[in-house]
Amino acid sequence: MKVYIKPFGQLNDQAFDEIFIENKHGVIVSFSDLGARINRWQVPTDTGQLDDIILGYDNAEHALVARTYYYGATIGRIAGRIKNGTFRLKDKVHELNINNNDHHLHGGQDGYDIQKWAYDVVEGDNQVSVIFKYTEQDGTSGFPATIHNLVTHTFDNDNNWTINYFAKSDDMTIFNPTNHVYFNLNGSEHASIKNHILEVKASKFLPIKEDAIPTGEIESVENTPFDLRTPTVFGDLFTSEHPQFKIVDGFDHPFVLDSNSLYALRILHPDNERSIIVTTDRPVVVIYTHSAVPVPTSIWGHDLEPYAGLTVETQAAPDAINRPQFGSVLLEKGDTFESTTCYHLSF
């Protein structure tokens, strides 16, 4: 396997790197120490070109300008929204940075996605790992306790991209990381993902309000456009008048994964035979179908348009700290958080 590093630009007088890994199939992925993110996943075509199958940034400056899309970034300390930016812990109400309407989103203004992470590259015969390290100090964005984070991205000769999360806290806090990768298996043509086939092994989903905060209910997917337990063309769902689908003209919803499935979800392209299979130990996947483009930008030389990508965020349920029925996101003092998600490419 080949490894090479290129400059990724500067922010706030800090220089960032982009670490490229190429496997024996000529598939290339890149990671950056800006937000411990995946930035490219390039697949060779029959014509000898490389197709980008995820959305990413040209450089660090671009990542800041279009930050609200969070392409490929590690998200923390908490993924998703926290209602009104407040939660109670040990009889104390904590007030977080408000950065999404009236709510806290994805760690706030000082979230993991905009931080410079230290890193080491570990090379093996059949895989390469990039181990990113970042310590988030007590009080950052309003969160209690200091957390020591390791996020390891591994890419191998079997076209597996695996993320391993490891964290420890010096006091009780809340923790729910994810990665914010967006897929578009059309590749560099960047046609809409409405032609993608989705399969999600989830019998339940969490309805949301207009502001994307979960209502607190857990509903069956039966007889709704959220029933993706069998492969479904995303574009075919637009005939639905289901009010939850109409909120964002697509998905921005948590799906509660069935625990007895071999994989969590699958994304397929009907024509070029590319597919992504996701396995995870997390209980929920948030799927967002990029129906809005509030910040105009270009991705890989193309103007960004609605439905340019499909994000797959494996995590615990958003706003779980305020919704006990969603499960716990507590991280106790001295305890270890560990989690693994793997994305397998076939083409």
Protein backbone atom coordinates (compact mmCIF):
# COMPACT_ATOMS: atom_id res chain seq x y z
CA MET A 1 0.00 0.00 0.00
CA LYS A 2 1.16 3.54 -0.76
CA VAL A 3 1.08 6.51 1.62
CA TYR A 4 1.85 10.13 0.86
CA ILE A 5 1.08 13.44 2.55
CA LYS A 6 0.20 16.79 0.98
CA PRO A 7 -0.48 20.25 2.46
CA PHE A 8 -4.17 20.90 3.15
CA GLY A 9 -3.94 24.66 3.71
CA GLN A 10 -4.00 26.86 6.79
CA LEU A 11 -6.48 28.16 9.36
CA ASN A 12 -5.69 30.50 12.25
CA ASP A 13 -1.96 30.28 11.51
CA GLN A 14 -2.05 26.49 11.72
CA ALA A 15 -1.02 24.28 8.80
CA PHE A 16 -2.99 21.13 8.05
CA ASP A 17 -2.14 17.91 6.20
CA GLU A 18 -4.00 15.54 3.91
CA ILE A 19 -2.82 11.93 4.21
CA PHE A 20 -3.42 9.78 1.10
CA ILE A 21 -3.58 5.96 1.15
CA GLU A 22 -3.73 3.85 -2.03
CA ASN A 23 -4.40 0.12 -1.98
CA LYS A 24 -3.60 -2.64 -4.47
CA HIS A 25 -6.82 -2.00 -6.41
CA GLY A 26 -5.85 1.61 -7.11
CA VAL A 27 -8.52 2.88 -4.69
CA ILE A 28 -7.42 6.01 -2.85
CA VAL A 29 -8.71 7.49 0.39
CA SER A 30 -7.48 10.61 2.15
CA PHE A 31 -7.73 11.82 5.72
CA SER A 32 -6.91 15.19 7.27
CA ASP A 33 -5.80 16.35 10.68
CA LEU A 34 -8.41 19.10 10.34
CA GLY A 35 -11.25 17.43 12.20
CA ALA A 36 -9.82 13.89 11.89
CA ARG A 37 -11.87 13.69 8.71
CA ILE A 38 -12.06 11.50 5.65
CA ASN A 39 -11.85 13.85 2.69
CA ARG A 40 -11.65 11.72 -0.46
CA TRP A 41 -12.57 8.22 -1.56
CA GLN A 42 -11.52 7.76 -5.17
CA VAL A 43 -12.41 4.75 -7.27
CA PRO A 44 -10.70 3.94 -10.62
CA THR A 45 -12.95 3.80 -13.68
CA ASP A 46 -12.70 1.83 -16.93
CA THR A 47 -11.30 4.92 -18.63
CA GLY A 48 -8.45 5.25 -16.15
CA GLN A 49 -9.96 8.21 -14.33
CA LEU A 50 -10.66 8.45 -10.60
CA ASP A 51 -14.21 9.03 -9.38
CA ASP A 52 -14.77 10.68 -6.01
CA ILE A 53 -17.60 8.82 -4.28
CA ILE A 54 -17.75 11.07 -1.19
CA LEU A 55 -18.06 14.82 -0.77
CA GLY A 56 -15.05 16.70 0.56
CA TYR A 57 -13.15 19.96 0.57
CA ASP A 58 -10.37 21.39 -1.60
CA ASN A 59 -8.44 22.62 1.44
CA ALA A 60 -8.79 23.84 5.03
CA GLU A 61 -10.01 27.28 3.95
CA HIS A 62 -12.80 25.68 1.92
CA ALA A 63 -13.70 23.49 4.90
CA LEU A 64 -14.20 26.59 7.02
CA VAL A 65 -16.28 28.48 4.43
CA ALA A 66 -18.59 25.48 3.92
CA ARG A 67 -18.25 24.20 7.45
CA THR A 68 -21.97 23.74 8.05
CA TYR A 69 -21.94 20.64 5.81
CA TYR A 70 -19.35 18.88 8.04
CA TYR A 71 -18.17 16.74 5.12
CA GLY A 72 -16.27 13.70 6.36
CA ALA A 73 -15.52 15.15 9.79
CA THR A 74 -15.32 13.51 13.16
CA ILE A 75 -18.22 14.98 15.13
CA GLY A 76 -18.10 15.53 18.87
CA ARG A 77 -18.39 15.83 21.71
CA ILE A 78 -22.03 15.15 20.83
CA ALA A 79 -23.42 14.27 17.39
CA GLY A 80 -26.74 15.83 16.44
CA ARG A 81 -28.81 18.44 18.18
CA ILE A 82 -29.41 19.06 21.86
CA LYS A 83 -32.69 20.83 22.42
CA ASN A 84 -32.23 24.45 23.51
CA GLY A 85 -28.56 23.64 24.14
CA THR A 86 -29.26 22.55 27.71
CA PHE A 87 -29.12 19.35 29.72
CA ARG A 88 -29.01 18.35 33.38
CA LEU A 89 -26.19 16.29 34.85
CA LYS A 90 -25.67 15.60 38.57
CA ASP A 91 -28.35 18.17 39.49
CA LYS A 92 -26.61 20.87 37.47
CA VAL A 93 -27.98 22.42 34.29
CA HIS A 94 -25.33 22.84 31.61
CA GLU A 95 -25.76 25.46 28.90
CA LEU A 96 -24.05 24.77 25.60
CA ASN A 97 -23.05 26.91 22.66
CA ILE A 98 -26.13 27.58 20.47
CA ASN A 99 -25.22 27.23 16.79
CA ASN A 100 -28.31 25.85 15.03
CA ASN A 101 -31.39 28.02 15.39
CA ASP A 102 -32.18 27.69 19.10
CA HIS A 103 -30.24 24.46 19.57
CA HIS A 104 -26.76 23.02 19.95
CA LEU A 105 -25.47 21.02 16.98
CA HIS A 106 -22.44 18.74 16.47
CA GLY A 107 -20.29 20.08 19.31
CA GLY A 108 -20.89 23.75 18.63
CA GLN A 109 -18.50 26.40 17.36
CA ASP A 110 -15.53 24.60 18.92
CA GLY A 111 -16.57 21.12 17.81
CA TYR A 112 -14.17 18.36 16.84
CA ASP A 113 -14.60 19.06 13.12
CA ILE A 114 -12.64 22.32 13.27
CA GLN A 115 -9.84 21.20 15.60
CA LYS A 116 -6.28 20.29 14.70
CA TRP A 117 -5.67 16.68 15.69
CA ALA A 118 -2.22 15.19 16.25
CA TYR A 119 -1.69 12.04 14.22
CA ASP A 120 0.52 9.02 13.58
CA VAL A 121 0.56 6.82 10.48
CA VAL A 122 0.96 3.08 11.05
CA GLU A 123 1.70 1.08 7.90
CA GLY A 124 1.14 -2.64 7.45
CA ASP A 125 1.29 -5.03 4.49
CA ASN A 126 -2.47 -5.05 3.92
CA GLN A 127 -3.69 -1.95 5.74
CA VAL A 128 -2.70 1.53 6.83
CA SER A 129 -4.03 3.29 9.92
CA VAL A 130 -4.03 6.99 10.77
CA ILE A 131 -4.36 7.46 14.53
CA PHE A 132 -5.72 10.90 15.41
CA LYS A 133 -5.47 12.33 18.93
CA TYR A 134 -7.28 15.29 20.49
CA THR A 135 -7.97 16.35 24.07
CA GLU A 136 -11.09 18.43 24.56
CA GLN A 137 -10.78 20.56 27.66
CA ASP A 138 -13.39 20.95 30.38
CA GLY A 139 -15.79 23.77 29.49
CA THR A 140 -15.33 23.65 25.72
CA SER A 141 -18.64 24.74 24.16
CA GLY A 142 -20.11 24.39 27.67
CA PHE A 143 -19.46 20.65 28.13
CA PRO A 144 -18.24 19.42 31.52
CA ALA A 145 -15.05 17.35 31.98
CA THR A 146 -11.91 16.87 29.93
CA ILE A 147 -12.04 14.07 27.33
CA HIS A 148 -9.02 12.37 25.74
CA ASN A 149 -9.91 11.13 22.25
CA LEU A 150 -8.37 8.67 19.83
CA VAL A 151 -9.99 8.23 16.41
CA THR A 152 -8.31 5.67 14.18
CA HIS A 153 -9.08 5.52 10.46
CA THR A 154 -7.90 2.31 8.78
CA PHE A 155 -8.02 1.51 5.07
CA ASP A 156 -7.10 -1.92 3.69
CA ASN A 157 -6.63 -3.96 0.53
CA ASP A 158 -10.19 -5.30 0.80
CA ASN A 159 -11.62 -1.78 0.36
CA ASN A 160 -12.70 -1.48 3.99
CA TRP A 161 -12.61 1.89 5.70
CA THR A 162 -12.88 1.28 9.45
CA ILE A 163 -13.26 3.89 12.20
CA ASN A 164 -12.36 3.03 15.77
CA TYR A 165 -13.31 5.51 18.51
CA PHE A 166 -11.67 5.49 21.94
CA ALA A 167 -12.22 8.06 24.68
CA LYS A 168 -11.75 8.58 28.40
CA SER A 169 -13.06 11.36 30.63
CA ASP A 170 -11.79 12.80 33.90
CA ASP A 171 -15.34 13.30 35.18
CA MET A 172 -18.92 12.38 34.32
CA THR A 173 -20.02 13.88 31.02
CA ILE A 174 -21.96 13.06 27.87
CA PHE A 175 -20.37 11.67 24.73
CA ASN A 176 -21.74 10.59 21.36
CA PRO A 177 -19.30 10.88 18.43
CA THR A 178 -19.85 10.05 14.79
CA ASN A 179 -18.39 10.61 11.34
CA HIS A 180 -20.23 12.88 8.90
CA VAL A 181 -19.29 11.23 5.59
CA TYR A 182 -21.51 11.90 2.55
CA PHE A 183 -21.67 9.33 -0.26
CA ASN A 184 -22.51 9.90 -3.90
CA LEU A 185 -21.81 6.70 -5.84
CA ASN A 186 -22.41 8.48 -9.15
CA GLY A 187 -18.85 9.66 -8.71
CA SER A 188 -17.42 12.73 -10.36
CA GLU A 189 -20.53 13.27 -12.50
CA HIS A 190 -22.24 14.27 -9.24
CA ALA A 191 -25.72 13.43 -10.40
CA SER A 192 -28.40 13.46 -7.72
CA ILE A 193 -28.51 10.60 -5.23
CA LYS A 194 -32.18 10.11 -6.13
CA ASN A 195 -31.02 7.20 -8.30
CA HIS A 196 -29.39 5.44 -5.32
CA ILE A 197 -30.87 2.30 -3.79
CA LEU A 198 -31.04 2.30 0.01
CA GLU A 199 -31.42 -0.60 2.40
CA VAL A 200 -31.53 0.14 6.13
CA LYS A 201 -31.97 -2.66 8.66
CA ALA A 202 -34.21 -0.64 10.95
CA SER A 203 -37.76 -1.46 12.06
CA LYS A 204 -38.17 1.83 13.92
CA PHE A 205 -37.30 5.49 13.41
CA LEU A 206 -37.46 8.69 15.42
CA PRO A 207 -39.87 11.35 14.15
CA ILE A 208 -38.59 14.92 14.20
CA LYS A 209 -40.08 18.38 14.52
CA GLU A 210 -39.67 21.14 11.95
CA ASP A 211 -36.43 22.20 13.67
CA ALA A 212 -35.07 18.62 13.35
CA ILE A 213 -35.25 17.91 17.09
CA PRO A 214 -36.70 14.41 17.79
CA THR A 215 -40.24 14.52 19.13
CA GLY A 216 -39.42 11.85 21.71
CA GLU A 217 -41.50 9.18 20.03
CA ILE A 218 -40.16 5.93 18.60
CA GLU A 219 -42.31 4.78 15.68
CA SER A 220 -42.53 1.74 13.43
CA VAL A 221 -41.36 2.18 9.84
CA GLU A 222 -44.23 -0.04 8.67
CA ASN A 223 -46.23 1.54 5.83
CA THR A 224 -44.04 4.64 5.72
CA PRO A 225 -41.28 5.85 3.37
CA PHE A 226 -38.89 5.05 6.23
CA ASP A 227 -39.34 1.32 5.64
CA LEU A 228 -36.07 0.61 3.85
CA ARG A 229 -35.73 -2.94 5.11
CA THR A 230 -35.83 -4.07 1.49
CA PRO A 231 -33.79 -2.21 -1.17
CA THR A 232 -35.63 0.94 -2.26
CA VAL A 233 -34.83 3.56 -4.88
CA PHE A 234 -34.65 6.83 -3.00
CA GLY A 235 -36.23 8.85 -5.81
CA ASP A 236 -39.30 6.60 -5.77
CA LEU A 237 -40.16 7.83 -2.28
CA PHE A 238 -41.01 11.33 -3.44
CA THR A 239 -44.58 10.35 -4.24
CA SER A 240 -45.13 9.95 -0.50
CA GLU A 241 -47.20 12.51 1.35
CA HIS A 242 -45.99 11.28 4.72
CA PRO A 243 -45.56 14.41 6.88
CA GLN A 244 -42.20 13.27 8.26
CA PHE A 245 -40.77 12.76 4.78
CA LYS A 246 -42.13 16.14 3.65
CA ILE A 247 -40.45 18.03 6.52
CA VAL A 248 -37.13 18.00 4.66
CA ASP A 249 -38.24 16.46 1.35
CA GLY A 250 -36.24 13.38 2.24
CA PHE A 251 -34.50 12.16 5.36
CA ASP A 252 -32.84 13.91 8.26
CA HIS A 253 -33.89 11.21 10.67
CA PRO A 254 -32.49 8.71 13.15
CA PHE A 255 -33.16 5.07 12.29
CA VAL A 256 -33.07 2.58 15.18
CA LEU A 257 -31.03 -0.34 13.91
CA ASP A 258 -32.20 -3.93 14.33
CA SER A 259 -29.69 -5.77 16.49
CA ASN A 260 -29.99 -9.11 14.68
CA SER A 261 -28.84 -7.97 11.21
CA LEU A 262 -25.51 -8.84 9.61
CA TYR A 263 -25.09 -5.22 8.51
CA ALA A 264 -26.70 -1.90 9.32
CA LEU A 265 -27.32 -0.55 5.86
CA ARG A 266 -26.38 -0.74 2.22
CA ILE A 267 -26.15 1.91 -0.50
CA LEU A 268 -26.15 0.76 -4.13
CA HIS A 269 -25.82 2.44 -7.50
CA PRO A 270 -28.11 0.65 -9.99
CA ASP A 271 -25.89 1.18 -13.04
CA ASN A 272 -22.20 1.21 -12.11
CA GLU A 273 -22.54 -1.60 -9.54
CA ARG A 274 -20.84 0.38 -6.78
CA SER A 275 -22.07 -0.32 -3.28
CA ILE A 276 -21.27 0.55 0.32
CA ILE A 277 -22.13 -1.83 3.16
CA VAL A 278 -22.00 -0.40 6.68
CA THR A 279 -21.51 -2.43 9.84
CA THR A 280 -21.50 -0.82 13.27
CA ASP A 281 -21.91 -1.46 16.98
CA ARG A 282 -23.86 1.79 17.43
CA PRO A 283 -27.65 1.59 17.99
CA VAL A 284 -28.75 4.35 15.59
CA VAL A 285 -27.88 5.72 12.18
CA VAL A 286 -28.89 9.24 11.19
CA ILE A 287 -29.46 9.52 7.46
CA TYR A 288 -29.57 12.95 5.85
CA THR A 289 -30.23 13.26 2.12
CA HIS A 290 -28.81 16.78 1.66
CA SER A 291 -32.06 18.30 0.47
CA ALA A 292 -30.88 21.84 1.17
CA VAL A 293 -27.88 23.93 0.08
CA PRO A 294 -27.93 26.97 2.42
CA VAL A 295 -24.27 27.86 1.72
CA PRO A 296 -23.41 27.97 -2.02
CA THR A 297 -20.12 26.23 -2.80
CA SER A 298 -18.56 23.81 -5.26
CA ILE A 299 -17.44 20.24 -4.59
CA TRP A 300 -14.76 18.73 -6.84
CA GLY A 301 -15.39 21.42 -9.43
CA HIS A 302 -19.17 21.10 -9.50
CA ASP A 303 -21.66 23.59 -8.07
CA LEU A 304 -23.29 22.03 -5.03
CA GLU A 305 -26.93 21.17 -5.60
CA PRO A 306 -29.63 19.55 -3.45
CA TYR A 307 -29.35 15.78 -3.06
CA ALA A 308 -25.62 15.88 -3.81
CA GLY A 309 -24.87 13.29 -1.14
CA LEU A 310 -26.18 10.91 1.47
CA THR A 311 -24.73 11.09 4.97
CA VAL A 312 -24.56 8.02 7.20
CA GLU A 313 -23.97 8.95 10.86
CA THR A 314 -23.67 5.93 13.17
CA GLN A 315 -24.23 7.03 16.76
CA ALA A 316 -26.59 7.01 19.72
CA ALA A 317 -29.86 8.86 19.31
CA PRO A 318 -29.69 12.67 19.11
CA ASP A 319 -30.81 14.58 22.22
CA ALA A 320 -30.69 11.33 24.21
CA ILE A 321 -29.52 13.19 27.32
CA ASN A 322 -32.95 14.87 27.39
CA ARG A 323 -34.87 11.75 26.31
CA PRO A 324 -34.21 8.80 28.66
CA GLN A 325 -36.24 6.50 26.40
CA PHE A 326 -33.51 6.90 23.75
CA GLY A 327 -30.80 5.28 25.88
CA SER A 328 -27.75 6.63 27.68
CA VAL A 329 -24.93 8.81 26.35
CA LEU A 330 -23.25 9.18 29.75
CA LEU A 331 -19.52 8.65 30.05
CA GLU A 332 -18.49 8.13 33.66
CA LYS A 333 -15.21 9.24 35.16
CA GLY A 334 -12.48 6.75 34.31
CA ASP A 335 -14.70 4.66 32.01
CA THR A 336 -13.65 3.95 28.43
CA PHE A 337 -15.78 4.63 25.36
CA GLU A 338 -15.02 2.32 22.44
CA SER A 339 -16.89 1.90 19.18
CA THR A 340 -16.29 0.64 15.64
CA THR A 341 -17.97 1.37 12.32
CA CYS A 342 -16.85 -0.11 8.99
CA TYR A 343 -17.71 0.96 5.43
CA HIS A 344 -17.02 -1.69 2.76
CA LEU A 345 -16.78 -0.67 -0.91
CA SER A 346 -17.60 -2.99 -3.79
CA PHE A 347 -17.21 -1.86 -7.40
